[in-house]
């Protein structure tokens, strides 16, 4: 999802709903990855869930999304 949120703010109607649907699917996929659903089913390596290059990336990403939704600041999403 390489779309900046300022571009999403310019979307209207069906385009906005389509983009929201895609974002919701991506968030659901991240949650399934973190909940170990796929690890139990397909024996994923730890490198998939917690890449060496950025430890805790997915946990920080979901926390950032949750915080942005709670504070209604969707343009403030960051994962440092």
PDB file of N, CA and C in Angstrom:
ATOM      1  N   UNK A   1       0.848  -1.178   0.000  1.00  0.00           N
ATOM      2  CA  UNK A   1       0.000   0.000   0.000  1.00  0.00           C
ATOM      3  C   UNK A   1       0.888   1.232   0.000  1.00  0.00           C
ATOM      4  N   UNK A   2       1.419   1.573  -1.101  1.00  0.00           N
ATOM      5  CA  UNK A   2       2.333   2.699  -1.195  1.00  0.00           C
ATOM      6  C   UNK A   2       1.617   4.010  -1.447  1.00  0.00           C
ATOM      7  N   UNK A   3       0.390   4.133  -0.993  1.00  0.00           N
ATOM      8  CA  UNK A   3      -0.375   5.355  -1.186  1.00  0.00           C
ATOM      9  C   UNK A   3      -0.234   6.225   0.042  1.00  0.00           C
ATOM     10  N   UNK A   4       0.107   7.458  -0.158  1.00  0.00           N
ATOM     11  CA  UNK A   4       0.190   8.381   0.973  1.00  0.00           C
ATOM     12  C   UNK A   4      -1.225   8.761   1.392  1.00  0.00           C
ATOM     13  N   UNK A   5      -1.413   9.016   2.688  1.00  0.00           N
ATOM     14  CA  UNK A   5      -2.743   9.304   3.189  1.00  0.00           C
ATOM     15  C   UNK A   5      -3.275  10.647   2.720  1.00  0.00           C
ATOM     16  N   UNK A   6      -2.420  11.584   2.307  1.00  0.00           N
ATOM     17  CA  UNK A   6      -2.939  12.844   1.787  1.00  0.00           C
ATOM     18  C   UNK A   6      -3.645  12.619   0.455  1.00  0.00           C
ATOM     19  N   UNK A   7      -3.213  11.632  -0.318  1.00  0.00           N
ATOM     20  CA  UNK A   7      -3.902  11.289  -1.565  1.00  0.00           C
ATOM     21  C   UNK A   7      -5.232  10.616  -1.276  1.00  0.00           C
ATOM     22  N   UNK A   8      -5.289   9.814  -0.238  1.00  0.00           N
ATOM     23  CA  UNK A   8      -6.536   9.149   0.117  1.00  0.00           C
ATOM     24  C   UNK A   8      -7.575  10.183   0.527  1.00  0.00           C
ATOM     25  N   UNK A   9      -7.148  11.258   1.185  1.00  0.00           N
ATOM     26  CA  UNK A   9      -8.077  12.306   1.593  1.00  0.00           C
ATOM     27  C   UNK A   9      -8.768  12.967   0.421  1.00  0.00           C
ATOM     28  N   UNK A  10      -8.184  12.882  -0.756  1.00  0.00           N
ATOM     29  CA  UNK A  10      -8.778  13.492  -1.942  1.00  0.00           C
ATOM     30  C   UNK A  10      -9.779  12.562  -2.629  1.00  0.00           C
ATOM     31  N   UNK A  11      -9.853  11.306  -2.220  1.00  0.00           N
ATOM     32  CA  UNK A  11     -10.770  10.356  -2.845  1.00  0.00           C
ATOM     33  C   UNK A  11     -12.195  10.587  -2.368  1.00  0.00           C
ATOM     34  N   UNK A  12     -13.137  10.263  -3.236  1.00  0.00           N
ATOM     35  CA  UNK A  12     -14.554  10.420  -2.908  1.00  0.00           C
ATOM     36  C   UNK A  12     -15.333   9.205  -3.399  1.00  0.00           C
ATOM     37  N   UNK A  13     -16.478   8.966  -2.803  1.00  0.00           N
ATOM     38  CA  UNK A  13     -17.433   7.974  -3.275  1.00  0.00           C
ATOM     39  C   UNK A  13     -16.877   6.575  -3.420  1.00  0.00           C
ATOM     40  N   UNK A  14     -17.126   5.985  -4.593  1.00  0.00           N
ATOM     41  CA  UNK A  14     -16.757   4.591  -4.843  1.00  0.00           C
ATOM     42  C   UNK A  14     -15.249   4.378  -4.752  1.00  0.00           C
ATOM     43  N   UNK A  15     -14.457   5.359  -5.202  1.00  0.00           N
ATOM     44  CA  UNK A  15     -12.997   5.227  -5.112  1.00  0.00           C
ATOM     45  C   UNK A  15     -12.542   5.156  -3.662  1.00  0.00           C
ATOM     46  N   UNK A  16     -13.138   5.981  -2.816  1.00  0.00           N
ATOM     47  CA  UNK A  16     -12.797   5.970  -1.396  1.00  0.00           C
ATOM     48  C   UNK A  16     -13.199   4.640  -0.762  1.00  0.00           C
ATOM     49  N   UNK A  17     -14.402   4.168  -1.062  1.00  0.00           N
ATOM     50  CA  UNK A  17     -14.863   2.893  -0.503  1.00  0.00           C
ATOM     51  C   UNK A  17     -13.987   1.735  -0.959  1.00  0.00           C
ATOM     52  N   UNK A  18     -13.548   1.754  -2.214  1.00  0.00           N
ATOM     53  CA  UNK A  18     -12.671   0.707  -2.723  1.00  0.00           C
ATOM     54  C   UNK A  18     -11.336   0.730  -1.979  1.00  0.00           C
ATOM     55  N   UNK A  19     -10.781   1.926  -1.783  1.00  0.00           N
ATOM     56  CA  UNK A  19      -9.499   2.057  -1.087  1.00  0.00           C
ATOM     57  C   UNK A  19      -9.629   1.619   0.368  1.00  0.00           C
ATOM     58  N   UNK A  20     -10.721   1.991   1.018  1.00  0.00           N
ATOM     59  CA  UNK A  20     -10.943   1.580   2.406  1.00  0.00           C
ATOM     60  C   UNK A  20     -11.033   0.063   2.494  1.00  0.00           C
ATOM     61  N   UNK A  21     -11.712  -0.558   1.541  1.00  0.00           N
ATOM     62  CA  UNK A  21     -11.809  -2.018   1.511  1.00  0.00           C
ATOM     63  C   UNK A  21     -10.448  -2.675   1.394  1.00  0.00           C
ATOM     64  N   UNK A  22      -9.586  -2.123   0.545  1.00  0.00           N
ATOM     65  CA  UNK A  22      -8.230  -2.667   0.390  1.00  0.00           C
ATOM     66  C   UNK A  22      -7.426  -2.524   1.676  1.00  0.00           C
ATOM     67  N   UNK A  23      -7.530  -1.368   2.322  1.00  0.00           N
ATOM     68  CA  UNK A  23      -6.799  -1.132   3.571  1.00  0.00           C
ATOM     69  C   UNK A  23      -7.292  -2.088   4.654  1.00  0.00           C
ATOM     70  N   UNK A  24      -8.605  -2.290   4.732  1.00  0.00           N
ATOM     71  CA  UNK A  24      -9.147  -3.215   5.726  1.00  0.00           C
ATOM     72  C   UNK A  24      -8.637  -4.639   5.490  1.00  0.00           C
ATOM     73  N   UNK A  25      -8.528  -5.056   4.234  1.00  0.00           N
ATOM     74  CA  UNK A  25      -7.994  -6.389   3.928  1.00  0.00           C
ATOM     75  C   UNK A  25      -6.531  -6.496   4.338  1.00  0.00           C
ATOM     76  N   UNK A  26      -5.757  -5.431   4.121  1.00  0.00           N
ATOM     77  CA  UNK A  26      -4.343  -5.448   4.505  1.00  0.00           C
ATOM     78  C   UNK A  26      -4.183  -5.512   6.015  1.00  0.00           C
ATOM     79  N   UNK A  27      -5.007  -4.769   6.740  1.00  0.00           N
ATOM     80  CA  UNK A  27      -4.952  -4.802   8.203  1.00  0.00           C
ATOM     81  C   UNK A  27      -5.342  -6.187   8.708  1.00  0.00           C
ATOM     82  N   UNK A  28      -6.379  -6.780   8.120  1.00  0.00           N
ATOM     83  CA  UNK A  28      -6.798  -8.127   8.519  1.00  0.00           C
ATOM     84  C   UNK A  28      -5.679  -9.140   8.265  1.00  0.00           C
ATOM     85  N   UNK A  29      -4.984  -9.003   7.141  1.00  0.00           N
ATOM     86  CA  UNK A  29      -3.872  -9.910   6.839  1.00  0.00           C
ATOM     87  C   UNK A  29      -2.749  -9.755   7.857  1.00  0.00           C
ATOM     88  N   UNK A  30      -2.442  -8.522   8.239  1.00  0.00           N
ATOM     89  CA  UNK A  30      -1.415  -8.298   9.262  1.00  0.00           C
ATOM     90  C   UNK A  30      -1.828  -8.916  10.590  1.00  0.00           C
ATOM     91  N   UNK A  31      -3.086  -8.744  10.965  1.00  0.00           N
ATOM     92  CA  UNK A  31      -3.566  -9.326  12.218  1.00  0.00           C
ATOM     93  C   UNK A  31      -3.493 -10.846  12.194  1.00  0.00           C
ATOM     94  N   UNK A  32      -3.832 -11.460  11.063  1.00  0.00           N
ATOM     95  CA  UNK A  32      -3.733 -12.924  10.963  1.00  0.00           C
ATOM     96  C   UNK A  32      -2.279 -13.371  11.066  1.00  0.00           C
ATOM     97  N   UNK A  33      -1.390 -12.609  10.460  1.00  0.00           N
ATOM     98  CA  UNK A  33       0.033 -12.943  10.526  1.00  0.00           C
ATOM     99  C   UNK A  33       0.530 -12.878  11.965  1.00  0.00           C
ATOM    100  N   UNK A  34       0.142 -11.836  12.676  1.00  0.00           N
ATOM    101  CA  UNK A  34       0.598 -11.681  14.056  1.00  0.00           C
ATOM    102  C   UNK A  34      -0.065 -12.662  15.016  1.00  0.00           C
ATOM    103  N   UNK A  35      -1.264 -13.106  14.693  1.00  0.00           N
ATOM    104  CA  UNK A  35      -1.960 -14.028  15.594  1.00  0.00           C
ATOM    105  C   UNK A  35      -1.480 -15.469  15.436  1.00  0.00           C
ATOM    106  N   UNK A  36      -0.483 -15.657  14.578  1.00  0.00           N
ATOM    107  CA  UNK A  36       0.124 -16.975  14.355  1.00  0.00           C
ATOM    108  C   UNK A  36      -0.792 -17.963  13.649  1.00  0.00           C
ATOM    109  N   UNK A  37      -1.871 -17.475  13.024  1.00  0.00           N
ATOM    110  CA  UNK A  37      -2.765 -18.369  12.284  1.00  0.00           C
ATOM    111  C   UNK A  37      -1.996 -19.124  11.206  1.00  0.00           C
ATOM    112  N   UNK A  38      -1.199 -18.424  10.445  1.00  0.00           N
ATOM    113  CA  UNK A  38      -0.481 -19.059   9.346  1.00  0.00           C
ATOM    114  C   UNK A  38       0.716 -19.872   9.826  1.00  0.00           C
ATOM    115  N   UNK A  39       1.328 -19.453  10.912  1.00  0.00           N
ATOM    116  CA  UNK A  39       2.469 -20.214  11.427  1.00  0.00           C
ATOM    117  C   UNK A  39       2.032 -21.616  11.833  1.00  0.00           C
ATOM    118  N   UNK A  40       0.884 -21.714  12.494  1.00  0.00           N
ATOM    119  CA  UNK A  40       0.383 -23.021  12.909  1.00  0.00           C
ATOM    120  C   UNK A  40      -0.015 -23.873  11.707  1.00  0.00           C
ATOM    121  N   UNK A  41      -0.550 -23.238  10.688  1.00  0.00           N
ATOM    122  CA  UNK A  41      -1.039 -23.981   9.530  1.00  0.00           C
ATOM    123  C   UNK A  41       0.068 -24.316   8.534  1.00  0.00           C
ATOM    124  N   UNK A  42       1.004 -23.396   8.317  1.00  0.00           N
ATOM    125  CA  UNK A  42       2.002 -23.569   7.262  1.00  0.00           C
ATOM    126  C   UNK A  42       3.449 -23.565   7.739  1.00  0.00           C
ATOM    127  N   UNK A  43       3.687 -23.487   9.025  1.00  0.00           N
ATOM    128  CA  UNK A  43       5.037 -23.487   9.596  1.00  0.00           C
ATOM    129  C   UNK A  43       5.907 -22.379   9.007  1.00  0.00           C
ATOM    130  N   UNK A  44       5.475 -21.145   9.177  1.00  0.00           N
ATOM    131  CA  UNK A  44       6.258 -20.001   8.707  1.00  0.00           C
ATOM    132  C   UNK A  44       7.467 -19.793   9.604  1.00  0.00           C
ATOM    133  N   UNK A  45       8.536 -19.316   9.022  1.00  0.00           N
ATOM    134  CA  UNK A  45       9.744 -19.059   9.806  1.00  0.00           C
ATOM    135  C   UNK A  45       9.575 -17.783  10.626  1.00  0.00           C
ATOM    136  N   UNK A  46      10.417 -17.639  11.642  1.00  0.00           N
ATOM    137  CA  UNK A  46      10.379 -16.427  12.458  1.00  0.00           C
ATOM    138  C   UNK A  46      10.734 -15.196  11.640  1.00  0.00           C
ATOM    139  N   UNK A  47      11.510 -15.367  10.591  1.00  0.00           N
ATOM    140  CA  UNK A  47      11.900 -14.242   9.746  1.00  0.00           C
ATOM    141  C   UNK A  47      10.724 -13.580   9.055  1.00  0.00           C
ATOM    142  N   UNK A  48       9.656 -14.319   8.821  1.00  0.00           N
ATOM    143  CA  UNK A  48       8.457 -13.747   8.206  1.00  0.00           C
ATOM    144  C   UNK A  48       7.723 -12.876   9.218  1.00  0.00           C
ATOM    145  N   UNK A  49       7.552 -13.384  10.426  1.00  0.00           N
ATOM    146  CA  UNK A  49       6.800 -12.654  11.447  1.00  0.00           C
ATOM    147  C   UNK A  49       7.588 -11.521  12.084  1.00  0.00           C
ATOM    148  N   UNK A  50       8.885 -11.668  12.153  1.00  0.00           N
ATOM    149  CA  UNK A  50       9.710 -10.671  12.832  1.00  0.00           C
ATOM    150  C   UNK A  50      11.027 -10.522  12.074  1.00  0.00           C
ATOM    151  N   UNK A  51      11.018  -9.759  10.972  1.00  0.00           N
ATOM    152  CA  UNK A  51      12.216  -9.661  10.132  1.00  0.00           C
ATOM    153  C   UNK A  51      13.412  -9.090  10.889  1.00  0.00           C
ATOM    154  N   UNK A  52      14.578  -9.657  10.644  1.00  0.00           N
ATOM    155  CA  UNK A  52      15.806  -9.233  11.314  1.00  0.00           C
ATOM    156  C   UNK A  52      16.104  -7.762  11.027  1.00  0.00           C
ATOM    157  N   UNK A  53      15.788  -7.315   9.830  1.00  0.00           N
ATOM    158  CA  UNK A  53      16.110  -5.940   9.443  1.00  0.00           C
ATOM    159  C   UNK A  53      15.304  -4.904  10.211  1.00  0.00           C
ATOM    160  N   UNK A  54      14.172  -5.302  10.791  1.00  0.00           N
ATOM    161  CA  UNK A  54      13.337  -4.341  11.515  1.00  0.00           C
ATOM    162  C   UNK A  54      12.517  -5.103  12.553  1.00  0.00           C
ATOM    163  N   UNK A  55      13.154  -5.453  13.654  1.00  0.00           N
ATOM    164  CA  UNK A  55      12.499  -6.229  14.708  1.00  0.00           C
ATOM    165  C   UNK A  55      11.232  -5.530  15.203  1.00  0.00           C
ATOM    166  N   UNK A  56      10.174  -6.285  15.346  1.00  0.00           N
ATOM    167  CA  UNK A  56       8.921  -5.751  15.867  1.00  0.00           C
ATOM    168  C   UNK A  56       8.157  -4.867  14.899  1.00  0.00           C
ATOM    169  N   UNK A  57       8.512  -4.898  13.619  1.00  0.00           N
ATOM    170  CA  UNK A  57       7.896  -3.999  12.638  1.00  0.00           C
ATOM    171  C   UNK A  57       6.383  -4.153  12.581  1.00  0.00           C
ATOM    172  N   UNK A  58       5.891  -5.385  12.463  1.00  0.00           N
ATOM    173  CA  UNK A  58       4.457  -5.589  12.302  1.00  0.00           C
ATOM    174  C   UNK A  58       3.689  -5.214  13.563  1.00  0.00           C
ATOM    175  N   UNK A  59       4.257  -5.481  14.719  1.00  0.00           N
ATOM    176  CA  UNK A  59       3.613  -5.089  15.971  1.00  0.00           C
ATOM    177  C   UNK A  59       3.524  -3.566  16.051  1.00  0.00           C
ATOM    178  N   UNK A  60       4.618  -2.873  15.699  1.00  0.00           N
ATOM    179  CA  UNK A  60       4.605  -1.407  15.714  1.00  0.00           C
ATOM    180  C   UNK A  60       3.634  -0.849  14.680  1.00  0.00           C
ATOM    181  N   UNK A  61       3.557  -1.484  13.518  1.00  0.00           N
ATOM    182  CA  UNK A  61       2.652  -1.026  12.472  1.00  0.00           C
ATOM    183  C   UNK A  61       1.202  -1.113  12.925  1.00  0.00           C
ATOM    184  N   UNK A  62       0.809  -2.253  13.483  1.00  0.00           N
ATOM    185  CA  UNK A  62      -0.564  -2.394  13.956  1.00  0.00           C
ATOM    186  C   UNK A  62      -0.857  -1.457  15.120  1.00  0.00           C
ATOM    187  N   UNK A  63       0.106  -1.252  16.008  1.00  0.00           N
ATOM    188  CA  UNK A  63      -0.088  -0.304  17.107  1.00  0.00           C
ATOM    189  C   UNK A  63      -0.293   1.102  16.576  1.00  0.00           C
ATOM    190  N   UNK A  64       0.477   1.473  15.570  1.00  0.00           N
ATOM    191  CA  UNK A  64       0.349   2.789  14.960  1.00  0.00           C
ATOM    192  C   UNK A  64      -1.020   2.961  14.314  1.00  0.00           C
ATOM    193  N   UNK A  65      -1.484   1.931  13.623  1.00  0.00           N
ATOM    194  CA  UNK A  65      -2.807   1.996  12.991  1.00  0.00           C
ATOM    195  C   UNK A  65      -3.892   2.102  14.049  1.00  0.00           C
ATOM    196  N   UNK A  66      -3.814   1.277  15.099  1.00  0.00           N
ATOM    197  CA  UNK A  66      -4.810   1.335  16.170  1.00  0.00           C
ATOM    198  C   UNK A  66      -4.836   2.701  16.836  1.00  0.00           C
ATOM    199  N   UNK A  67      -3.665   3.259  17.117  1.00  0.00           N
ATOM    200  CA  UNK A  67      -3.581   4.574  17.756  1.00  0.00           C
ATOM    201  C   UNK A  67      -4.152   5.660  16.850  1.00  0.00           C
ATOM    202  N   UNK A  68      -3.869   5.584  15.558  1.00  0.00           N
ATOM    203  CA  UNK A  68      -4.387   6.578  14.614  1.00  0.00           C
ATOM    204  C   UNK A  68      -5.905   6.512  14.534  1.00  0.00           C
ATOM    205  N   UNK A  69      -6.442   5.309  14.563  1.00  0.00           N
ATOM    206  CA  UNK A  69      -7.900   5.158  14.513  1.00  0.00           C
ATOM    207  C   UNK A  69      -8.523   5.706  15.791  1.00  0.00           C
ATOM    208  N   UNK A  70      -7.932   5.395  16.939  1.00  0.00           N
ATOM    209  CA  UNK A  70      -8.464   5.880  18.214  1.00  0.00           C
ATOM    210  C   UNK A  70      -8.428   7.396  18.307  1.00  0.00           C
ATOM    211  N   UNK A  71      -7.349   8.002  17.828  1.00  0.00           N
ATOM    212  CA  UNK A  71      -7.211   9.458  17.933  1.00  0.00           C
ATOM    213  C   UNK A  71      -7.739  10.183  16.702  1.00  0.00           C
ATOM    214  N   UNK A  72      -8.263   9.421  15.724  1.00  0.00           N
ATOM    215  CA  UNK A  72      -8.801   9.980  14.482  1.00  0.00           C
ATOM    216  C   UNK A  72      -7.763  10.813  13.747  1.00  0.00           C
ATOM    217  N   UNK A  73      -6.505  10.385  13.805  1.00  0.00           N
ATOM    218  CA  UNK A  73      -5.411  11.071  13.115  1.00  0.00           C
ATOM    219  C   UNK A  73      -4.775  10.109  12.123  1.00  0.00           C
ATOM    220  N   UNK A  74      -5.520   9.764  11.102  1.00  0.00           N
ATOM    221  CA  UNK A  74      -5.047   8.761  10.155  1.00  0.00           C
ATOM    222  C   UNK A  74      -3.870   9.233   9.319  1.00  0.00           C
ATOM    223  N   UNK A  75      -3.581  10.522   9.324  1.00  0.00           N
ATOM    224  CA  UNK A  75      -2.417  11.011   8.586  1.00  0.00           C
ATOM    225  C   UNK A  75      -1.146  10.892   9.415  1.00  0.00           C
ATOM    226  N   UNK A  76      -1.262  10.476  10.667  1.00  0.00           N
ATOM    227  CA  UNK A  76      -0.109  10.414  11.564  1.00  0.00           C
ATOM    228  C   UNK A  76       0.490   9.015  11.653  1.00  0.00           C
ATOM    229  N   UNK A  77       0.160   8.132  10.723  1.00  0.00           N
ATOM    230  CA  UNK A  77       0.687   6.772  10.794  1.00  0.00           C
ATOM    231  C   UNK A  77       2.179   6.761  10.534  1.00  0.00           C
ATOM    232  N   UNK A  78       2.926   6.183  11.460  1.00  0.00           N
ATOM    233  CA  UNK A  78       4.381   6.079  11.326  1.00  0.00           C
ATOM    234  C   UNK A  78       4.841   4.798  11.978  1.00  0.00           C
ATOM    235  N   UNK A  79       5.852   4.237  11.411  1.00  0.00           N
ATOM    236  CA  UNK A  79       6.518   3.098  12.034  1.00  0.00           C
ATOM    237  C   UNK A  79       8.000   3.417  11.998  1.00  0.00           C
ATOM    238  N   UNK A  80       8.536   3.806  13.127  1.00  0.00           N
ATOM    239  CA  UNK A  80       9.964   4.162  13.208  1.00  0.00           C
ATOM    240  C   UNK A  80      10.773   2.994  13.702  1.00  0.00           C
TER     241      UNK A  80
END
